[in-house]
Protein backbone atom coordinates (compact mmCIF):
# COMPACT_ATOMS: atom_id res chain seq x y z
CA MET A 1 2.58 17.84 -18.90
CA ASN A 2 4.05 18.74 -15.84
CA HIS A 3 3.86 16.85 -12.90
CA THR A 4 6.66 18.25 -11.01
CA ARG A 5 4.15 21.42 -9.84
CA ASP A 6 3.07 21.81 -6.30
CA ALA A 7 0.12 20.70 -6.01
CA ALA A 8 -1.40 23.23 -4.14
CA ALA A 9 -0.57 25.78 -7.00
CA ILE A 10 -2.43 23.18 -9.03
CA ALA A 11 -5.94 22.99 -7.14
CA ALA A 12 -5.85 26.91 -7.62
CA ASP A 13 -5.71 26.81 -11.09
CA VAL A 14 -8.56 23.92 -10.86
CA ALA A 15 -10.79 26.05 -8.61
CA THR A 16 -9.83 29.16 -10.91
CA SER A 17 -10.89 26.69 -13.81
CA ALA A 18 -13.93 25.98 -12.34
CA ARG A 19 -14.97 30.17 -11.52
CA MET A 20 -14.35 30.57 -15.39
CA LEU A 21 -16.34 27.66 -16.62
CA ALA A 22 -18.94 28.76 -14.33
CA ARG A 23 -19.11 32.39 -15.74
CA ALA A 24 -18.72 30.73 -19.24
CA THR A 25 -22.12 28.89 -18.65
CA ALA A 26 -24.05 31.98 -17.20
CA ALA A 27 -27.70 32.69 -18.00
CA THR A 28 -27.52 35.48 -17.04
CA GLU A 29 -24.24 36.86 -19.39
CA ASP A 30 -25.80 34.64 -22.20
CA TRP A 31 -24.36 31.62 -22.00
CA PRO A 32 -21.01 32.49 -23.23
CA GLY A 33 -19.49 29.58 -23.80
CA LEU A 34 -22.12 27.28 -25.24
CA ARG A 35 -23.27 27.64 -28.73
CA GLU A 36 -25.12 24.47 -29.19
CA PRO A 37 -26.11 21.24 -27.43
CA ALA A 38 -22.70 19.74 -28.64
CA ASP A 39 -21.00 21.72 -26.13
CA VAL A 40 -23.11 20.66 -23.34
CA HIS A 41 -22.04 17.71 -23.93
CA ALA A 42 -17.73 18.27 -24.66
CA VAL A 43 -18.31 20.30 -20.76
CA LEU A 44 -20.24 17.24 -19.49
CA SER A 45 -17.38 15.19 -20.86
CA ALA A 46 -14.75 17.02 -19.57
CA LEU A 47 -16.10 16.77 -16.27
CA GLY A 48 -16.99 13.79 -15.94
CA LEU A 49 -12.70 12.89 -16.29
CA ALA A 50 -12.45 15.62 -13.70
CA ALA A 51 -14.96 13.96 -11.64
CA ARG A 52 -13.58 10.25 -12.05
CA ASP A 53 -9.57 12.26 -11.05
CA LEU A 54 -11.12 13.37 -8.14
CA GLU A 55 -12.02 9.72 -6.89
CA GLN A 56 -8.11 9.08 -7.14
CA ILE A 57 -7.11 12.32 -6.06
CA THR A 58 -9.03 12.08 -2.47
CA THR A 59 -7.09 8.36 -1.77
CA GLN A 60 -4.47 9.57 -3.34
CA LEU A 61 -4.48 12.35 -0.29
CA ALA A 62 -5.37 10.03 2.60
CA ARG A 63 -2.36 7.87 1.79
CA PHE A 64 0.00 10.45 2.31
CA LEU A 65 -1.54 12.02 5.34
CA GLN A 66 -1.51 8.25 6.57
CA GLN A 67 2.35 7.96 5.65
CA GLN A 68 3.75 11.39 6.98
CA LEU A 69 1.87 9.92 10.76
CA ASP A 70 3.14 6.69 9.97
CA SER A 71 7.09 8.44 9.68
CA ARG A 72 6.38 10.39 11.99
CA ARG A 73 6.66 13.49 10.09
CA ALA A 74 2.98 15.09 10.79
CA ALA A 75 2.76 17.20 13.73
CA VAL A 76 -1.17 18.22 14.90
CA HIS A 77 -2.40 21.17 16.21
CA GLY A 78 -5.96 22.96 17.34
CA GLY A 79 -8.75 20.06 19.00
CA TYR A 80 -6.49 17.33 17.24
CA ALA A 81 -3.28 17.88 19.51
CA GLY A 82 -1.73 15.49 20.69
CA ASP A 83 -3.89 12.61 18.72
CA PRO A 84 -2.41 12.80 15.23
CA ALA A 85 -4.16 9.16 14.66
CA ALA A 86 -7.18 10.38 15.82
CA ALA A 87 -6.94 13.63 13.10
CA VAL A 88 -5.75 11.85 10.26
CA THR A 89 -8.77 9.32 10.67
CA ALA A 90 -10.99 12.34 10.77
CA VAL A 91 -9.65 12.98 7.29
CA SER A 92 -9.33 9.90 6.37
CA ASP A 93 -13.28 9.33 6.53
CA ARG A 94 -14.09 12.85 5.06
CA LEU A 95 -11.98 12.06 1.92
CA GLU A 96 -13.81 8.99 1.77
CA GLN A 97 -17.26 10.45 1.53
CA ALA A 98 -15.90 13.04 -0.85
CA ARG A 99 -14.35 9.81 -3.21
CA LEU A 100 -17.63 8.09 -3.14
CA VAL A 101 -19.49 11.59 -3.38
CA ALA A 102 -17.44 11.98 -6.70
CA GLY A 103 -17.68 8.61 -7.44
CA LEU A 104 -21.49 9.03 -7.86
CA LEU A 105 -21.13 12.30 -9.75
CA ALA A 106 -19.10 11.52 -12.09
CA GLY A 107 -21.65 8.57 -13.06
CA ALA A 108 -24.29 11.26 -13.08
CA LEU A 109 -22.40 13.40 -15.37
CA GLU A 110 -21.74 10.70 -17.63
CA ASP A 111 -25.46 9.91 -17.89
CA ALA A 112 -26.41 13.00 -18.53
CA GLN A 113 -23.79 12.94 -21.25
CA GLY A 114 -25.62 10.04 -22.58
CA VAL A 115 -28.76 11.75 -22.89
CA VAL A 116 -27.29 15.28 -24.51
CA ALA A 117 -25.81 13.30 -27.01
CA ALA A 118 -29.30 12.85 -28.29
CA ILE A 119 -29.87 16.78 -28.59
CA GLY A 120 -28.68 18.95 -31.58
CA PRO A 121 -29.68 21.69 -32.92
CA ALA A 122 -33.03 22.91 -34.13
CA GLY A 123 -33.55 21.98 -37.41
CA GLU A 124 -31.19 18.79 -37.85
CA GLU A 125 -33.07 15.88 -38.26
CA GLN A 126 -31.65 12.68 -36.11
CA GLY A 127 -32.50 9.04 -37.11
CA GLN A 128 -34.59 7.87 -33.55
């Protein structure tokens, strides 16, 4: 995997993929990307991993902004003009909230994946 790509371009790819996944799981389009419960299990697995990565990404973004502030490479405009420390603190606080929510999301997706593992196609008997 190419880690040298611009982070904004990668994030745009993630957003595009999320829109594509939303279409692939849309009832209005007769579930084009889902054929059986195992597909839901696979989707939940991938989304759970992505949510765990979001926990790390939000932390890294906050650290980067702090480093930019510490090295005096960040200028602030708008409502925080003249107070870059307050701007970085405000962003960091919101990123911490996002990190916590991502952790909750990851846990919920992992729990749902565990339950979906017990669901199979009709006519397929599963042990109890």
